[in-house]
């Protein structure tokens, strides 16, 4: 009797952000989360910034270039610039549909922070997002789960999972909490340091730092 070999599904992690600029606070937790999930693919998805935003911030091409520099030095990260290329409003649900269409057998894990989870029910088509992927929420080590649960909408609280092993039975719609090591820096703080002529190189990969200096960004 012949048997058919079962292949494990492809796991793809997705991390969106304005990445203005991308920094170690994005990169190190993302690497840690990818390793924890057991995925070798993590798509970095620069978000579209509306035209009315502060014009001194990096433009779409520059932000994509900085993400690309990070990806060049990583076997896990891939630049996914589809949201920057859209002419219509860009929604996460559209991105998930497109990736799912391109790789229908893949299991998608959308990474976010706790603040995003708390506001998730205000996202466009949030229920549909949960039909396409699992959410991975990075929280600080030791943060009490009970405090998070108390702040969540009931529709989200019922989806929480604390054991990664359980995800193999549920391909979408679950919210798994991951205690990731925080890096206490933000893009806003980095831009402020640059504007004030303070040292900031320690918060960025060297190629990104060099690019910012060459382009004269955030001055």
N, C-alpha and C. Protein backbone atom coordinates (compact mmCIF):
# COMPACT_ATOMS: atom_id res chain seq x y z
N UNK A 1 0.85 -1.20 0.00
CA UNK A 1 0.00 0.00 0.00
C UNK A 1 0.88 1.24 0.00
N UNK A 2 0.63 2.14 -0.92
CA UNK A 2 1.42 3.36 -0.97
C UNK A 2 0.80 4.41 -0.07
N UNK A 3 1.63 5.27 0.46
CA UNK A 3 1.15 6.35 1.31
C UNK A 3 1.57 7.69 0.72
N UNK A 4 0.76 8.66 0.94
CA UNK A 4 1.07 10.01 0.47
C UNK A 4 1.75 10.80 1.57
N UNK A 5 2.87 11.37 1.26
CA UNK A 5 3.61 12.14 2.25
C UNK A 5 2.90 13.46 2.50
N UNK A 6 2.65 13.75 3.77
CA UNK A 6 2.00 14.99 4.15
C UNK A 6 3.06 16.07 4.38
N UNK A 7 2.94 17.17 3.67
CA UNK A 7 3.89 18.26 3.84
C UNK A 7 3.30 19.31 4.77
N UNK A 8 4.14 19.87 5.59
CA UNK A 8 3.68 20.89 6.53
C UNK A 8 3.29 22.15 5.76
N UNK A 9 2.25 22.84 6.20
CA UNK A 9 1.85 24.07 5.51
C UNK A 9 2.89 25.15 5.68
N UNK A 10 2.95 26.04 4.70
CA UNK A 10 3.84 27.19 4.78
C UNK A 10 3.29 28.17 5.81
N UNK A 11 4.15 28.62 6.70
CA UNK A 11 3.77 29.64 7.68
C UNK A 11 4.36 30.97 7.25
N UNK A 12 3.51 31.96 7.12
CA UNK A 12 3.97 33.29 6.72
C UNK A 12 3.54 34.28 7.79
N UNK A 13 4.52 34.97 8.37
CA UNK A 13 4.22 36.03 9.33
C UNK A 13 4.22 37.36 8.59
N UNK A 14 3.35 38.26 9.03
CA UNK A 14 3.19 39.55 8.39
C UNK A 14 3.30 40.65 9.44
N UNK A 15 4.10 41.66 9.14
CA UNK A 15 4.23 42.80 10.04
C UNK A 15 4.12 44.08 9.25
N UNK A 16 3.08 44.86 9.54
CA UNK A 16 2.89 46.13 8.88
C UNK A 16 3.35 47.28 9.76
N UNK A 17 3.53 48.42 9.15
CA UNK A 17 3.93 49.61 9.90
C UNK A 17 4.33 50.72 8.95
N UNK A 18 4.35 51.94 9.46
CA UNK A 18 4.83 53.02 8.59
C UNK A 18 6.33 52.92 8.37
N UNK A 19 7.06 52.34 9.35
CA UNK A 19 8.51 52.16 9.22
C UNK A 19 9.17 53.48 8.80
N UNK A 20 8.98 54.49 9.65
CA UNK A 20 9.39 55.85 9.30
C UNK A 20 10.28 56.46 10.38
N UNK A 21 11.50 55.89 10.62
CA UNK A 21 12.14 54.80 9.87
C UNK A 21 11.95 53.44 10.56
N UNK A 22 12.29 52.38 9.84
CA UNK A 22 12.35 51.05 10.45
C UNK A 22 13.55 51.03 11.40
N UNK A 23 13.40 50.39 12.56
CA UNK A 23 14.46 50.41 13.57
C UNK A 23 14.48 49.10 14.36
N UNK A 24 15.40 49.02 15.32
CA UNK A 24 15.56 47.77 16.07
C UNK A 24 14.30 47.41 16.87
N UNK A 25 13.50 48.40 17.22
CA UNK A 25 12.26 48.11 17.91
C UNK A 25 11.26 47.36 17.06
N UNK A 26 11.42 47.46 15.74
CA UNK A 26 10.64 46.63 14.81
C UNK A 26 11.34 45.30 14.57
N UNK A 27 12.63 45.39 14.31
CA UNK A 27 13.38 44.25 13.78
C UNK A 27 13.58 43.14 14.80
N UNK A 28 14.08 43.47 15.98
CA UNK A 28 14.43 42.43 16.96
C UNK A 28 13.21 41.66 17.45
N UNK A 29 12.10 42.32 17.85
CA UNK A 29 10.92 41.55 18.22
C UNK A 29 10.35 40.72 17.07
N UNK A 30 10.45 41.25 15.84
CA UNK A 30 9.94 40.50 14.68
C UNK A 30 10.75 39.22 14.47
N UNK A 31 12.07 39.32 14.59
CA UNK A 31 12.92 38.13 14.46
C UNK A 31 12.59 37.12 15.56
N UNK A 32 12.41 37.61 16.76
CA UNK A 32 12.10 36.75 17.89
C UNK A 32 10.75 36.06 17.69
N UNK A 33 9.78 36.80 17.20
CA UNK A 33 8.45 36.24 16.97
C UNK A 33 8.46 35.20 15.86
N UNK A 34 9.20 35.47 14.79
CA UNK A 34 9.29 34.51 13.69
C UNK A 34 9.91 33.20 14.15
N UNK A 35 10.95 33.30 14.96
CA UNK A 35 11.59 32.09 15.49
C UNK A 35 10.62 31.33 16.38
N UNK A 36 9.87 32.03 17.20
CA UNK A 36 8.90 31.41 18.11
C UNK A 36 7.81 30.70 17.33
N UNK A 37 7.35 31.32 16.23
CA UNK A 37 6.31 30.71 15.41
C UNK A 37 6.84 29.54 14.59
N UNK A 38 8.14 29.55 14.35
CA UNK A 38 8.72 28.51 13.51
C UNK A 38 8.59 28.80 12.03
N UNK A 39 8.48 30.08 11.66
CA UNK A 39 8.36 30.45 10.26
C UNK A 39 9.67 31.00 9.74
N UNK A 40 9.93 30.75 8.47
CA UNK A 40 11.12 31.28 7.82
C UNK A 40 10.76 32.40 6.85
N UNK A 41 9.51 32.84 6.90
CA UNK A 41 9.06 33.94 6.05
C UNK A 41 8.36 35.00 6.89
N UNK A 42 8.86 36.21 6.85
CA UNK A 42 8.20 37.31 7.52
C UNK A 42 8.17 38.50 6.56
N UNK A 43 6.97 38.86 6.14
CA UNK A 43 6.80 39.96 5.21
C UNK A 43 6.72 41.28 5.98
N UNK A 44 7.59 42.20 5.65
CA UNK A 44 7.52 43.56 6.20
C UNK A 44 6.73 44.41 5.22
N UNK A 45 5.62 44.98 5.68
CA UNK A 45 4.67 45.66 4.79
C UNK A 45 4.58 47.14 5.16
N UNK A 46 5.35 48.00 4.49
CA UNK A 46 5.24 49.43 4.78
C UNK A 46 3.83 49.92 4.44
N UNK A 47 3.25 50.67 5.36
CA UNK A 47 1.89 51.18 5.18
C UNK A 47 1.90 52.49 4.41
N UNK A 48 0.81 52.72 3.72
CA UNK A 48 0.64 53.99 3.02
C UNK A 48 0.42 55.11 4.04
N UNK A 49 1.06 56.25 3.81
CA UNK A 49 0.84 57.42 4.65
C UNK A 49 0.04 58.43 3.84
N UNK A 50 -1.12 58.87 4.33
CA UNK A 50 -1.93 59.84 3.59
C UNK A 50 -1.16 61.12 3.28
N UNK A 51 -1.50 61.80 2.19
CA UNK A 51 -0.76 63.00 1.77
C UNK A 51 -0.76 64.12 2.81
N UNK A 52 -1.78 64.19 3.69
CA UNK A 52 -1.85 65.29 4.65
C UNK A 52 -0.89 65.11 5.83
N UNK A 53 -0.20 63.96 5.90
CA UNK A 53 0.76 63.76 6.98
C UNK A 53 1.95 64.70 6.82
N UNK A 54 2.70 64.82 7.90
CA UNK A 54 3.85 65.73 7.94
C UNK A 54 4.81 65.45 6.77
N UNK A 55 5.05 66.45 5.94
CA UNK A 55 5.85 66.25 4.73
C UNK A 55 7.33 66.06 5.02
N UNK A 56 7.76 66.31 6.25
CA UNK A 56 9.18 66.13 6.57
C UNK A 56 9.52 64.66 6.82
N UNK A 57 8.50 63.82 6.96
CA UNK A 57 8.76 62.39 7.11
C UNK A 57 9.19 61.80 5.78
N UNK A 58 9.81 60.63 5.82
CA UNK A 58 10.27 59.99 4.59
C UNK A 58 9.09 59.63 3.70
N UNK A 59 9.30 59.74 2.38
CA UNK A 59 8.23 59.39 1.45
C UNK A 59 8.16 57.87 1.27
N UNK A 60 7.20 57.43 0.49
CA UNK A 60 6.96 55.99 0.33
C UNK A 60 8.19 55.26 -0.20
N UNK A 61 8.83 55.85 -1.21
CA UNK A 61 10.01 55.21 -1.81
C UNK A 61 11.14 55.09 -0.80
N UNK A 62 11.36 56.15 -0.02
CA UNK A 62 12.44 56.12 0.96
C UNK A 62 12.16 55.10 2.06
N UNK A 63 10.93 55.03 2.51
CA UNK A 63 10.59 54.05 3.55
C UNK A 63 10.75 52.63 3.03
N UNK A 64 10.34 52.41 1.78
CA UNK A 64 10.51 51.09 1.17
C UNK A 64 11.99 50.76 1.01
N UNK A 65 12.79 51.75 0.64
CA UNK A 65 14.24 51.52 0.49
C UNK A 65 14.87 51.12 1.82
N UNK A 66 14.46 51.76 2.91
CA UNK A 66 15.02 51.42 4.23
C UNK A 66 14.64 50.00 4.64
N UNK A 67 13.39 49.62 4.38
CA UNK A 67 12.97 48.25 4.68
C UNK A 67 13.74 47.27 3.81
N UNK A 68 13.95 47.62 2.55
CA UNK A 68 14.70 46.76 1.64
C UNK A 68 16.12 46.53 2.13
N UNK A 69 16.74 47.55 2.70
CA UNK A 69 18.10 47.41 3.24
C UNK A 69 18.13 46.40 4.39
N UNK A 70 17.08 46.41 5.21
CA UNK A 70 16.99 45.43 6.31
C UNK A 70 16.83 44.03 5.74
N UNK A 71 16.01 43.90 4.69
CA UNK A 71 15.75 42.58 4.11
C UNK A 71 16.98 41.99 3.44
N UNK A 72 17.84 42.86 2.91
CA UNK A 72 19.05 42.38 2.23
C UNK A 72 19.98 41.64 3.18
N UNK A 73 19.91 41.95 4.46
CA UNK A 73 20.78 41.32 5.45
C UNK A 73 20.05 40.28 6.29
N UNK A 74 18.95 39.74 5.76
CA UNK A 74 18.16 38.78 6.52
C UNK A 74 17.66 37.67 5.61
N UNK A 75 17.67 36.44 6.14
CA UNK A 75 17.13 35.31 5.41
C UNK A 75 15.63 35.14 5.66
N UNK A 76 15.09 35.90 6.58
CA UNK A 76 13.68 35.76 6.95
C UNK A 76 12.83 36.88 6.36
N UNK A 77 13.32 38.11 6.43
CA UNK A 77 12.52 39.27 6.04
C UNK A 77 12.38 39.41 4.53
N UNK A 78 11.19 39.79 4.09
CA UNK A 78 10.91 40.11 2.70
C UNK A 78 10.14 41.42 2.64
N UNK A 79 10.57 42.33 1.77
CA UNK A 79 9.82 43.56 1.57
C UNK A 79 8.58 43.26 0.76
N UNK A 80 7.44 43.66 1.28
CA UNK A 80 6.16 43.54 0.58
C UNK A 80 5.59 44.94 0.47
N UNK A 81 5.72 45.56 -0.69
CA UNK A 81 5.35 46.96 -0.84
C UNK A 81 4.01 47.17 -1.54
N UNK A 82 3.15 46.16 -1.51
CA UNK A 82 1.88 46.24 -2.23
C UNK A 82 1.00 47.39 -1.73
N UNK A 83 1.06 47.68 -0.43
CA UNK A 83 0.20 48.74 0.10
C UNK A 83 0.66 50.12 -0.39
N UNK A 84 1.95 50.27 -0.60
CA UNK A 84 2.47 51.54 -1.13
C UNK A 84 2.11 51.73 -2.59
N UNK A 85 1.87 50.62 -3.30
CA UNK A 85 1.60 50.70 -4.73
C UNK A 85 0.13 50.89 -5.06
N UNK A 86 -0.74 50.79 -4.05
CA UNK A 86 -2.16 50.96 -4.32
C UNK A 86 -2.51 52.43 -4.48
N UNK A 87 -3.43 52.69 -5.39
CA UNK A 87 -3.88 54.06 -5.60
C UNK A 87 -5.12 54.35 -4.77
N UNK A 88 -5.81 53.30 -4.31
CA UNK A 88 -7.00 53.45 -3.48
C UNK A 88 -6.59 53.29 -2.01
N UNK A 89 -7.50 53.60 -1.08
CA UNK A 89 -7.19 53.40 0.34
C UNK A 89 -6.71 51.98 0.60
N UNK A 90 -5.72 51.85 1.45
CA UNK A 90 -5.08 50.55 1.69
C UNK A 90 -5.57 49.96 3.01
N UNK A 91 -6.13 48.76 2.93
CA UNK A 91 -6.65 48.10 4.11
C UNK A 91 -5.96 46.75 4.30
N UNK A 92 -5.77 46.40 5.56
CA UNK A 92 -5.13 45.12 5.89
C UNK A 92 -5.90 43.95 5.28
N UNK A 93 -7.22 44.03 5.29
CA UNK A 93 -8.01 42.92 4.76
C UNK A 93 -7.71 42.68 3.27
N UNK A 94 -7.46 43.75 2.52
CA UNK A 94 -7.12 43.60 1.10
C UNK A 94 -5.78 42.91 0.94
N UNK A 95 -4.82 43.30 1.77
CA UNK A 95 -3.49 42.68 1.73
C UNK A 95 -3.57 41.19 2.02
N UNK A 96 -4.34 40.83 3.03
CA UNK A 96 -4.48 39.42 3.39
C UNK A 96 -5.13 38.62 2.26
N UNK A 97 -6.16 39.18 1.64
CA UNK A 97 -6.82 38.50 0.52
C UNK A 97 -5.83 38.26 -0.62
N UNK A 98 -5.00 39.27 -0.91
CA UNK A 98 -4.04 39.13 -2.00
C UNK A 98 -3.00 38.06 -1.71
N UNK A 99 -2.46 38.06 -0.50
CA UNK A 99 -1.45 37.07 -0.14
C UNK A 99 -2.05 35.67 -0.13
N UNK A 100 -3.26 35.56 0.36
CA UNK A 100 -3.94 34.27 0.40
C UNK A 100 -4.19 33.74 -1.02
N UNK A 101 -4.51 34.65 -1.94
CA UNK A 101 -4.72 34.25 -3.33
C UNK A 101 -3.42 33.78 -3.97
N UNK A 102 -2.32 34.43 -3.60
CA UNK A 102 -1.01 34.06 -4.15
C UNK A 102 -0.50 32.74 -3.56
N UNK A 103 -0.79 32.52 -2.26
CA UNK A 103 -0.32 31.30 -1.58
C UNK A 103 -1.49 30.70 -0.78
N UNK A 104 -2.42 30.06 -1.48
CA UNK A 104 -3.65 29.59 -0.83
C UNK A 104 -3.45 28.55 0.26
N UNK A 105 -2.34 27.83 0.23
CA UNK A 105 -2.12 26.78 1.24
C UNK A 105 -1.38 27.30 2.47
N UNK A 106 -0.97 28.56 2.43
CA UNK A 106 -0.17 29.11 3.53
C UNK A 106 -1.05 29.47 4.72
N UNK A 107 -0.51 29.31 5.91
CA UNK A 107 -1.14 29.80 7.14
C UNK A 107 -0.55 31.16 7.45
N UNK A 108 -1.40 32.17 7.59
CA UNK A 108 -0.95 33.54 7.78
C UNK A 108 -1.07 33.95 9.25
N UNK A 109 -0.02 34.61 9.73
CA UNK A 109 0.02 35.12 11.10
C UNK A 109 0.31 36.62 11.04
N UNK A 110 -0.66 37.41 11.44
CA UNK A 110 -0.52 38.86 11.40
C UNK A 110 -0.07 39.36 12.77
N UNK A 111 1.12 39.97 12.81
CA UNK A 111 1.73 40.40 14.07
C UNK A 111 1.30 41.83 14.40
N UNK A 112 0.95 42.06 15.65
CA UNK A 112 0.59 43.40 16.09
C UNK A 112 0.97 43.58 17.55
N UNK A 113 0.93 44.82 18.00
CA UNK A 113 1.16 45.12 19.40
C UNK A 113 -0.14 45.15 20.18
N UNK A 114 -0.04 45.28 21.47
CA UNK A 114 -1.21 45.24 22.33
C UNK A 114 -2.15 46.41 22.06
N UNK A 115 -1.61 47.59 21.79
CA UNK A 115 -2.46 48.75 21.51
C UNK A 115 -3.33 48.51 20.29
N UNK A 116 -2.75 47.86 19.28
CA UNK A 116 -3.52 47.56 18.07
C UNK A 116 -4.64 46.57 18.36
N UNK A 117 -4.35 45.59 19.20
CA UNK A 117 -5.40 44.63 19.55
C UNK A 117 -6.55 45.31 20.28
N UNK A 118 -6.25 46.23 21.17
CA UNK A 118 -7.29 46.90 21.95
C UNK A 118 -8.22 47.73 21.06
N UNK A 119 -7.70 48.18 19.91
CA UNK A 119 -8.53 48.98 19.00
C UNK A 119 -8.96 48.17 17.77
N UNK A 120 -8.73 46.88 17.78
CA UNK A 120 -8.89 46.06 16.58
C UNK A 120 -10.33 46.06 16.06
N UNK A 121 -11.31 46.12 16.93
CA UNK A 121 -12.70 46.09 16.46
C UNK A 121 -13.10 47.37 15.72
N UNK A 122 -12.21 48.36 15.68
CA UNK A 122 -12.47 49.57 14.88
C UNK A 122 -11.85 49.46 13.49
N UNK A 123 -11.08 48.41 13.23
CA UNK A 123 -10.43 48.23 11.93
C UNK A 123 -11.46 47.91 10.86
N UNK A 124 -11.16 48.28 9.64
CA UNK A 124 -12.02 47.99 8.50
C UNK A 124 -12.14 46.47 8.30
N UNK A 125 -13.37 45.98 8.34
CA UNK A 125 -13.65 44.55 8.11
C UNK A 125 -12.85 43.65 9.05
N UNK A 126 -12.84 43.98 10.34
CA UNK A 126 -12.01 43.22 11.28
C UNK A 126 -12.43 41.77 11.38
N UNK A 127 -13.74 41.49 11.26
CA UNK A 127 -14.18 40.09 11.32
C UNK A 127 -13.62 39.30 10.14
N UNK A 128 -13.58 39.95 8.98
CA UNK A 128 -13.05 39.29 7.79
C UNK A 128 -11.56 39.04 7.92
N UNK A 129 -10.85 39.97 8.54
CA UNK A 129 -9.42 39.77 8.79
C UNK A 129 -9.21 38.47 9.58
N UNK A 130 -10.03 38.27 10.59
CA UNK A 130 -9.89 37.07 11.42
C UNK A 130 -10.26 35.80 10.67
N UNK A 131 -10.98 35.92 9.57
CA UNK A 131 -11.31 34.74 8.76
C UNK A 131 -10.16 34.35 7.83
N UNK A 132 -9.14 35.20 7.77
CA UNK A 132 -8.03 34.98 6.84
C UNK A 132 -6.71 34.64 7.54
N UNK A 133 -6.61 34.92 8.83
CA UNK A 133 -5.33 34.73 9.51
C UNK A 133 -5.55 34.54 11.00
N UNK A 134 -4.49 34.20 11.69
CA UNK A 134 -4.43 34.29 13.14
C UNK A 134 -3.67 35.57 13.50
N UNK A 135 -4.01 36.15 14.62
CA UNK A 135 -3.28 37.31 15.11
C UNK A 135 -2.24 36.87 16.14
N UNK A 136 -1.06 37.45 16.06
CA UNK A 136 -0.02 37.24 17.05
C UNK A 136 0.22 38.59 17.72
N UNK A 137 -0.05 38.65 19.02
CA UNK A 137 0.03 39.92 19.74
C UNK A 137 1.23 39.89 20.66
N UNK A 138 2.19 40.77 20.39
CA UNK A 138 3.38 40.86 21.23
C UNK A 138 3.08 41.69 22.47
N UNK A 139 3.28 41.09 23.64
CA UNK A 139 3.08 41.80 24.90
C UNK A 139 4.37 41.73 25.70
N UNK A 140 4.48 42.63 26.64
CA UNK A 140 5.68 42.65 27.48
C UNK A 140 5.71 41.45 28.40
N UNK A 141 6.90 40.87 28.62
CA UNK A 141 6.99 39.73 29.54
C UNK A 141 6.45 40.09 30.92
N UNK A 142 5.65 39.23 31.45
CA UNK A 142 5.09 39.44 32.78
C UNK A 142 3.83 40.27 32.81
N UNK A 143 3.40 40.79 31.65
CA UNK A 143 2.17 41.58 31.65
C UNK A 143 1.00 40.65 31.99
N UNK A 144 0.17 41.01 32.96
CA UNK A 144 -0.90 40.11 33.39
C UNK A 144 -1.97 39.93 32.32
N UNK A 145 -2.19 38.68 31.95
CA UNK A 145 -3.20 38.38 30.94
C UNK A 145 -4.57 38.86 31.37
N UNK A 146 -4.84 38.81 32.65
CA UNK A 146 -6.16 39.21 33.15
C UNK A 146 -6.43 40.69 32.86
N UNK A 147 -5.39 41.50 32.93
CA UNK A 147 -5.55 42.93 32.64
C UNK A 147 -5.90 43.15 31.18
N UNK A 148 -5.28 42.38 30.30
CA UNK A 148 -5.59 42.48 28.88
C UNK A 148 -7.01 42.00 28.61
N UNK A 149 -7.36 40.88 29.18
CA UNK A 149 -8.69 40.32 28.96
C UNK A 149 -9.78 41.29 29.41
N UNK A 150 -9.53 41.98 30.50
CA UNK A 150 -10.53 42.90 31.03
C UNK A 150 -10.76 44.09 30.09
N UNK A 151 -9.78 44.38 29.25
CA UNK A 151 -9.88 45.54 28.36
C UNK A 151 -10.39 45.18 26.96
N UNK A 152 -10.51 43.88 26.70
CA UNK A 152 -10.87 43.43 25.36
C UNK A 152 -12.37 43.33 25.15
N UNK A 153 -12.77 43.56 23.91
CA UNK A 153 -14.16 43.31 23.54
C UNK A 153 -14.43 41.81 23.66
N UNK A 154 -15.64 41.42 24.08
CA UNK A 154 -15.95 39.99 24.24
C UNK A 154 -15.69 39.16 22.98
N UNK A 155 -15.91 39.77 21.81
CA UNK A 155 -15.69 39.05 20.55
C UNK A 155 -14.24 38.65 20.37
N UNK A 156 -13.33 39.41 20.99
CA UNK A 156 -11.91 39.10 20.89
C UNK A 156 -11.45 38.23 22.05
N UNK A 157 -11.96 38.49 23.22
CA UNK A 157 -11.56 37.74 24.41
C UNK A 157 -11.78 36.24 24.22
N UNK A 158 -12.87 35.88 23.54
CA UNK A 158 -13.19 34.46 23.34
C UNK A 158 -12.23 33.77 22.39
N UNK A 159 -11.43 34.54 21.68
CA UNK A 159 -10.51 33.98 20.70
C UNK A 159 -9.07 33.82 21.22
N UNK A 160 -8.82 34.26 22.43
CA UNK A 160 -7.46 34.23 22.98
C UNK A 160 -6.97 32.81 23.16
N UNK A 161 -5.69 32.61 22.82
CA UNK A 161 -5.02 31.32 23.01
C UNK A 161 -3.68 31.60 23.69
N UNK A 162 -3.36 30.79 24.66
CA UNK A 162 -2.11 30.98 25.41
C UNK A 162 -1.08 29.90 25.11
N UNK A 163 -1.48 28.89 24.36
CA UNK A 163 -0.59 27.77 24.05
C UNK A 163 -0.43 27.69 22.54
N UNK A 164 0.77 27.93 22.05
CA UNK A 164 1.03 27.95 20.62
C UNK A 164 0.68 26.62 19.96
N UNK A 165 0.82 25.51 20.68
CA UNK A 165 0.54 24.20 20.10
C UNK A 165 -0.90 24.07 19.63
N UNK A 166 -1.81 24.82 20.23
CA UNK A 166 -3.22 24.70 19.87
C UNK A 166 -3.52 25.29 18.49
N UNK A 167 -2.61 26.10 17.98
CA UNK A 167 -2.87 26.74 16.69
C UNK A 167 -2.88 25.74 15.55
N UNK A 168 -2.27 24.58 15.71
CA UNK A 168 -2.25 23.62 14.62
C UNK A 168 -3.65 23.11 14.30
N UNK A 169 -4.57 23.27 15.22
CA UNK A 169 -5.93 22.82 14.98
C UNK A 169 -6.84 23.94 14.50
N UNK A 170 -6.37 25.16 14.56
CA UNK A 170 -7.20 26.30 14.18
C UNK A 170 -6.37 27.22 13.30
N UNK A 171 -6.71 27.24 12.03
CA UNK A 171 -5.87 27.93 11.05
C UNK A 171 -6.11 29.43 11.00
N UNK A 172 -7.28 29.87 11.42
CA UNK A 172 -7.60 31.30 11.38
C UNK A 172 -8.44 31.66 12.60
N UNK A 173 -8.55 32.94 12.83
CA UNK A 173 -9.50 33.45 13.81
C UNK A 173 -9.06 33.42 15.25
N UNK A 174 -7.83 33.00 15.51
CA UNK A 174 -7.36 32.91 16.88
C UNK A 174 -6.39 34.06 17.19
N UNK A 175 -6.30 34.41 18.46
CA UNK A 175 -5.40 35.47 18.90
C UNK A 175 -4.43 34.86 19.91
N UNK A 176 -3.17 34.75 19.50
CA UNK A 176 -2.17 34.13 20.35
C UNK A 176 -1.27 35.21 20.94
N UNK A 177 -1.06 35.16 22.24
CA UNK A 177 -0.22 36.15 22.92
C UNK A 177 1.22 35.66 22.97
N UNK A 178 2.14 36.55 22.62
CA UNK A 178 3.56 36.22 22.64
C UNK A 178 4.30 37.23 23.48
N UNK A 179 5.00 36.76 24.48
CA UNK A 179 5.80 37.65 25.33
C UNK A 179 7.13 37.91 24.66
N UNK A 180 7.22 39.03 23.98
CA UNK A 180 8.45 39.37 23.26
C UNK A 180 9.28 40.37 24.06
N UNK A 181 10.57 40.31 23.83
CA UNK A 181 11.48 41.23 24.53
C UNK A 181 11.31 42.63 23.95
N UNK A 182 10.91 43.60 24.77
CA UNK A 182 10.66 44.94 24.23
C UNK A 182 11.96 45.69 23.95
N UNK A 183 11.92 46.53 22.93
CA UNK A 183 13.01 47.45 22.64
C UNK A 183 12.42 48.85 22.77
N UNK A 184 12.85 49.58 23.78
CA UNK A 184 12.19 50.85 24.12
C UNK A 184 12.68 52.01 23.26
N UNK A 185 12.22 52.01 22.03
CA UNK A 185 12.47 53.13 21.12
C UNK A 185 11.34 53.15 20.12
N UNK A 186 11.02 54.32 19.62
CA UNK A 186 9.98 54.46 18.61
C UNK A 186 10.50 55.30 17.45
N UNK A 187 9.83 55.20 16.31
CA UNK A 187 10.21 56.02 15.17
C UNK A 187 10.09 57.50 15.50
N UNK A 188 9.06 57.86 16.26
CA UNK A 188 8.86 59.26 16.65
C UNK A 188 10.06 59.76 17.44
N UNK A 189 10.54 58.95 18.39
CA UNK A 189 11.69 59.35 19.20
C UNK A 189 12.95 59.47 18.36
N UNK A 190 13.12 58.55 17.41
CA UNK A 190 14.30 58.61 16.55
C UNK A 190 14.27 59.87 15.70
N UNK A 191 13.11 60.19 15.12
CA UNK A 191 13.01 61.41 14.32
C UNK A 191 13.32 62.65 15.16
N UNK A 192 12.86 62.64 16.42
CA UNK A 192 13.13 63.77 17.31
C UNK A 192 14.62 63.89 17.60
N UNK A 193 15.29 62.76 17.81
CA UNK A 193 16.73 62.78 18.06
C UNK A 193 17.49 63.32 16.85
N UNK A 194 17.08 62.91 15.66
CA UNK A 194 17.76 63.38 14.45
C UNK A 194 17.58 64.90 14.32
N UNK A 195 16.37 65.34 14.54
CA UNK A 195 16.08 66.78 14.41
C UNK A 195 16.88 67.60 15.43
N UNK A 196 17.13 66.99 16.60
CA UNK A 196 17.86 67.69 17.67
C UNK A 196 19.37 67.43 17.60
N UNK A 197 19.82 66.73 16.54
CA UNK A 197 21.24 66.41 16.36
C UNK A 197 21.80 65.58 17.52
N UNK A 198 21.00 64.66 18.02
CA UNK A 198 21.43 63.74 19.07
C UNK A 198 21.82 62.40 18.45
N UNK A 199 22.63 61.62 19.18
CA UNK A 199 23.05 60.31 18.67
C UNK A 199 21.84 59.39 18.58
N UNK A 200 21.78 58.65 17.48
CA UNK A 200 20.66 57.72 17.29
C UNK A 200 21.07 56.44 16.56
N UNK A 201 22.34 56.31 16.20
CA UNK A 201 22.77 55.19 15.37
C UNK A 201 22.55 53.85 16.03
N UNK A 202 22.55 53.81 17.38
CA UNK A 202 22.42 52.53 18.09
C UNK A 202 21.03 51.92 17.94
N UNK A 203 20.08 52.70 17.46
CA UNK A 203 18.71 52.19 17.33
C UNK A 203 18.40 51.62 15.96
N UNK A 204 19.38 51.68 15.06
CA UNK A 204 19.15 51.30 13.66
C UNK A 204 20.22 50.36 13.15
N UNK A 205 19.88 49.48 12.21
CA UNK A 205 20.93 48.75 11.49
C UNK A 205 21.80 49.76 10.74
N UNK A 206 23.07 49.48 10.60
CA UNK A 206 23.98 50.45 9.98
C UNK A 206 23.55 50.88 8.58
N UNK A 207 23.09 49.94 7.71
CA UNK A 207 22.68 50.39 6.37
C UNK A 207 21.54 51.41 6.41
N UNK A 208 20.62 51.27 7.38
CA UNK A 208 19.52 52.22 7.49
C UNK A 208 20.03 53.56 8.01
N UNK A 209 20.93 53.50 9.00
CA UNK A 209 21.54 54.74 9.50
C UNK A 209 22.27 55.48 8.38
N UNK A 210 23.06 54.74 7.60
CA UNK A 210 23.81 55.36 6.50
C UNK A 210 22.86 55.98 5.48
N UNK A 211 21.77 55.30 5.20
CA UNK A 211 20.80 55.80 4.22
C UNK A 211 20.17 57.10 4.70
N UNK A 212 19.79 57.14 5.97
CA UNK A 212 19.18 58.36 6.54
C UNK A 212 20.16 59.51 6.45
N UNK A 213 21.42 59.25 6.76
CA UNK A 213 22.43 60.31 6.71
C UNK A 213 22.66 60.78 5.26
N UNK A 214 22.72 59.83 4.34
CA UNK A 214 22.97 60.18 2.94
C UNK A 214 21.82 60.98 2.36
N UNK A 215 20.60 60.62 2.76
CA UNK A 215 19.41 61.28 2.23
C UNK A 215 19.05 62.56 2.98
N UNK A 216 19.67 62.74 4.13
CA UNK A 216 19.36 63.91 4.95
C UNK A 216 17.94 63.90 5.48
N UNK A 217 17.48 62.72 5.87
CA UNK A 217 16.09 62.58 6.31
C UNK A 217 15.88 63.09 7.74
N UNK A 218 14.67 63.52 7.98
CA UNK A 218 14.16 63.87 9.32
C UNK A 218 14.87 65.08 9.96
N UNK A 219 15.52 65.87 9.16
CA UNK A 219 16.22 67.06 9.69
C UNK A 219 15.23 68.17 10.00
